[in-house]
């Protein structure tokens, strides 16, 4: 190694406020690329520094009634959040039930907007797989196109926080590992 050669790895030191400002003023992928780290590495750093996610980028809509107006997340953003927090919302059956109820009102534009705002391929993989199991092939295809534009999809378990002692199956399209009996239960919500 020559004296003028840059080190193979750079270390970045930030005050929390500086990192907060950086990740809230530009997309996470852009910041990660600028710093020479992966988006996952940057997300871990933000978690350690207790920097919240960009809630301002979460797609919302205004719901009105006679008394009050509420700002709520869009249907696709809600489904993505349910999948990410399925262990505390009642499991995969609850996610499937809500998906069935909301899917007929989801359009491609708001689906892609929600996926872009969350920017987590694993959640997209799970959502696409659930859409496919429930027979919403058009929505599943839109999610698949979004996931395909991301980096190589790493194998993900369908259910979070559930140890699988039984044989699992791998869905090659979504790169999701799942228990066949659980998917059969999912398909009952069609």
Protein backbone atom coordinates (compact mmCIF):
# COMPACT_ATOMS: atom_id res chain seq x y z
CA UNK A 1 0.00 0.00 0.00
CA UNK A 2 1.38 3.37 -1.02
CA UNK A 3 1.40 6.35 1.29
CA UNK A 4 -1.07 8.23 -0.94
CA UNK A 5 -3.54 5.35 -1.31
CA UNK A 6 -6.85 5.99 0.44
CA UNK A 7 -7.73 3.52 3.16
CA UNK A 8 -10.04 0.73 2.01
CA UNK A 9 -12.58 1.73 4.63
CA UNK A 10 -13.50 5.15 5.86
CA UNK A 11 -14.89 5.94 9.27
CA UNK A 12 -17.48 8.63 9.64
CA UNK A 13 -18.08 10.34 12.94
CA UNK A 14 -21.25 12.34 13.33
CA UNK A 15 -22.94 14.14 16.11
CA UNK A 16 -26.47 12.84 16.43
CA UNK A 17 -27.89 16.16 15.28
CA UNK A 18 -25.78 16.14 12.11
CA UNK A 19 -26.79 12.59 11.22
CA UNK A 20 -30.43 13.42 11.97
CA UNK A 21 -30.27 16.40 9.63
CA UNK A 22 -28.59 14.34 6.92
CA UNK A 23 -31.11 11.47 6.89
CA UNK A 24 -34.13 13.80 7.11
CA UNK A 25 -33.09 15.98 4.18
CA UNK A 26 -32.39 13.29 1.58
CA UNK A 27 -33.60 9.76 0.75
CA UNK A 28 -31.95 7.06 2.84
CA UNK A 29 -30.50 5.25 -0.20
CA UNK A 30 -28.89 8.47 -1.40
CA UNK A 31 -27.36 9.20 2.02
CA UNK A 32 -26.10 5.63 2.35
CA UNK A 33 -24.49 5.79 -1.08
CA UNK A 34 -22.89 9.14 -0.26
CA UNK A 35 -21.42 7.69 2.96
CA UNK A 36 -20.32 4.45 1.30
CA UNK A 37 -22.48 2.19 3.46
CA UNK A 38 -25.50 0.03 2.78
CA UNK A 39 -29.00 1.28 3.52
CA UNK A 40 -29.29 -1.44 6.15
CA UNK A 41 -26.06 -0.23 7.80
CA UNK A 42 -27.35 3.32 7.83
CA UNK A 43 -30.68 2.16 9.29
CA UNK A 44 -28.83 0.34 12.10
CA UNK A 45 -26.83 3.46 12.83
CA UNK A 46 -30.01 5.53 12.97
CA UNK A 47 -31.63 3.02 15.35
CA UNK A 48 -28.60 3.15 17.65
CA UNK A 49 -28.70 6.94 17.64
CA UNK A 50 -32.49 6.89 18.23
CA UNK A 51 -33.18 8.81 15.01
CA UNK A 52 -36.81 8.22 14.00
CA UNK A 53 -37.86 7.21 10.52
CA UNK A 54 -39.11 9.82 8.13
CA UNK A 55 -42.74 9.81 9.16
CA UNK A 56 -43.27 12.78 6.88
CA UNK A 57 -42.75 10.50 3.88
CA UNK A 58 -45.44 8.03 4.96
CA UNK A 59 -48.33 8.41 2.50
CA UNK A 60 -51.43 9.72 4.25
CA UNK A 61 -54.94 10.76 3.38
CA UNK A 62 -57.51 12.94 5.10
CA UNK A 63 -60.62 11.18 6.40
CA UNK A 64 -63.53 13.47 7.15
CA UNK A 65 -66.74 13.09 9.05
CA UNK A 66 -69.21 15.57 10.54
CA UNK A 67 -67.17 16.13 13.67
CA UNK A 68 -63.47 15.90 12.86
CA UNK A 69 -60.88 15.41 10.14
CA UNK A 70 -58.18 12.75 10.62
CA UNK A 71 -54.90 12.24 8.84
CA UNK A 72 -54.40 8.48 8.46
CA UNK A 73 -51.94 6.37 6.55
CA UNK A 74 -53.04 5.09 3.15
CA UNK A 75 -54.28 1.53 2.73
CA UNK A 76 -50.99 0.19 1.32
CA UNK A 77 -48.96 1.93 4.07
CA UNK A 78 -51.27 0.35 6.64
CA UNK A 79 -50.78 -3.12 5.15
CA UNK A 80 -47.00 -2.70 5.11
CA UNK A 81 -47.04 -1.62 8.76
CA UNK A 82 -49.24 -4.58 9.72
CA UNK A 83 -46.83 -6.97 8.02
CA UNK A 84 -43.85 -5.37 9.75
CA UNK A 85 -45.57 -5.60 13.14
CA UNK A 86 -47.58 -8.78 12.65
CA UNK A 87 -46.54 -10.25 16.01
CA UNK A 88 -48.33 -7.48 17.93
CA UNK A 89 -51.43 -7.09 15.73
CA UNK A 90 -52.68 -10.65 16.02
CA UNK A 91 -50.55 -12.57 13.56
CA UNK A 92 -50.77 -13.43 9.92
CA UNK A 93 -54.50 -14.18 10.00
CA UNK A 94 -55.22 -10.61 11.07
CA UNK A 95 -52.97 -9.28 8.31
CA UNK A 96 -54.78 -11.51 5.77
CA UNK A 97 -58.22 -10.37 6.97
CA UNK A 98 -57.31 -6.68 6.75
CA UNK A 99 -55.60 -7.23 3.38
CA UNK A 100 -58.77 -8.82 2.03
CA UNK A 101 -60.85 -5.88 3.28
CA UNK A 102 -58.56 -3.14 1.94
CA UNK A 103 -57.23 -4.60 -1.31
CA UNK A 104 -60.19 -3.79 -3.52
CA UNK A 105 -59.64 -0.06 -2.91
CA UNK A 106 -55.86 -0.01 -3.56
CA UNK A 107 -54.57 1.43 -6.81
CA UNK A 108 -51.13 0.96 -8.31
CA UNK A 109 -50.00 4.54 -7.70
CA UNK A 110 -50.63 4.58 -3.97
CA UNK A 111 -49.13 1.08 -3.64
CA UNK A 112 -45.85 2.12 -5.26
CA UNK A 113 -45.81 5.37 -3.26
CA UNK A 114 -46.15 3.43 0.01
CA UNK A 115 -43.43 0.95 -1.01
CA UNK A 116 -41.11 3.82 -1.96
CA UNK A 117 -41.79 5.63 1.32
CA UNK A 118 -41.05 2.57 3.45
CA UNK A 119 -38.23 1.42 1.16
CA UNK A 120 -37.89 -2.01 2.78
CA UNK A 121 -37.65 -4.88 0.34
CA UNK A 122 -38.48 -7.56 2.98
CA UNK A 123 -41.84 -5.91 3.73
CA UNK A 124 -42.48 -5.69 -0.02
CA UNK A 125 -41.65 -9.37 -0.46
CA UNK A 126 -44.09 -10.36 2.29
CA UNK A 127 -46.83 -8.07 0.98
CA UNK A 128 -46.49 -9.43 -2.56
CA UNK A 129 -46.59 -13.00 -1.28
CA UNK A 130 -49.74 -12.29 0.76
CA UNK A 131 -51.39 -10.60 -2.24
CA UNK A 132 -50.56 -13.65 -4.34
CA UNK A 133 -51.92 -16.10 -1.75
CA UNK A 134 -55.16 -14.12 -1.50
CA UNK A 135 -55.60 -14.01 -5.28
CA UNK A 136 -54.81 -10.32 -5.85
CA UNK A 137 -52.47 -11.07 -8.75
CA UNK A 138 -52.48 -7.57 -10.26
CA UNK A 139 -51.36 -6.02 -6.96
CA UNK A 140 -48.84 -8.83 -6.48
CA UNK A 141 -47.36 -8.11 -9.92
CA UNK A 142 -46.95 -4.40 -9.11
CA UNK A 143 -45.16 -5.29 -5.88
CA UNK A 144 -42.98 -7.80 -7.74
CA UNK A 145 -41.87 -5.13 -10.20
CA UNK A 146 -41.00 -2.85 -7.27
CA UNK A 147 -39.04 -5.58 -5.46
CA UNK A 148 -37.21 -6.53 -8.68
CA UNK A 149 -35.87 -2.97 -8.97
CA UNK A 150 -34.29 -3.29 -5.52
CA UNK A 151 -31.12 -5.12 -4.73
CA UNK A 152 -31.20 -8.90 -4.68
CA UNK A 153 -34.02 -9.97 -2.39
CA UNK A 154 -32.69 -11.90 0.58
CA UNK A 155 -34.74 -14.87 1.79
CA UNK A 156 -37.26 -13.75 4.39
CA UNK A 157 -39.56 -15.69 6.69
CA UNK A 158 -43.23 -15.02 6.05
CA UNK A 159 -43.99 -14.78 9.74
CA UNK A 160 -41.89 -12.70 12.09
CA UNK A 161 -40.98 -13.93 15.54
CA UNK A 162 -42.36 -17.43 14.99
CA UNK A 163 -39.78 -20.19 15.38
CA UNK A 164 -40.36 -22.87 12.77
CA UNK A 165 -39.60 -26.39 13.90
CA UNK A 166 -41.51 -27.83 10.98
CA UNK A 167 -40.39 -28.17 7.38
CA UNK A 168 -40.55 -24.90 5.49
CA UNK A 169 -41.11 -24.31 1.80
CA UNK A 170 -39.41 -21.61 -0.25
CA UNK A 171 -41.37 -19.50 -2.71
CA UNK A 172 -38.82 -18.76 -5.45
CA UNK A 173 -40.65 -15.75 -6.86
CA UNK A 174 -40.75 -13.87 -3.56
CA UNK A 175 -37.82 -15.60 -1.83
CA UNK A 176 -40.07 -16.20 1.18
CA UNK A 177 -39.83 -19.21 3.49
CA UNK A 178 -43.12 -20.41 4.89
CA UNK A 179 -44.94 -23.30 6.48
CA UNK A 180 -47.36 -24.85 3.97
CA UNK A 181 -50.10 -25.26 6.59
CA UNK A 182 -49.94 -21.55 7.41
CA UNK A 183 -50.32 -20.61 3.74
CA UNK A 184 -53.33 -22.92 3.47
CA UNK A 185 -54.86 -20.99 6.37
CA UNK A 186 -54.01 -17.75 4.56
CA UNK A 187 -55.70 -18.91 1.36
CA UNK A 188 -58.94 -19.50 3.26
CA UNK A 189 -59.35 -15.69 3.37
CA UNK A 190 -59.80 -15.53 -0.43
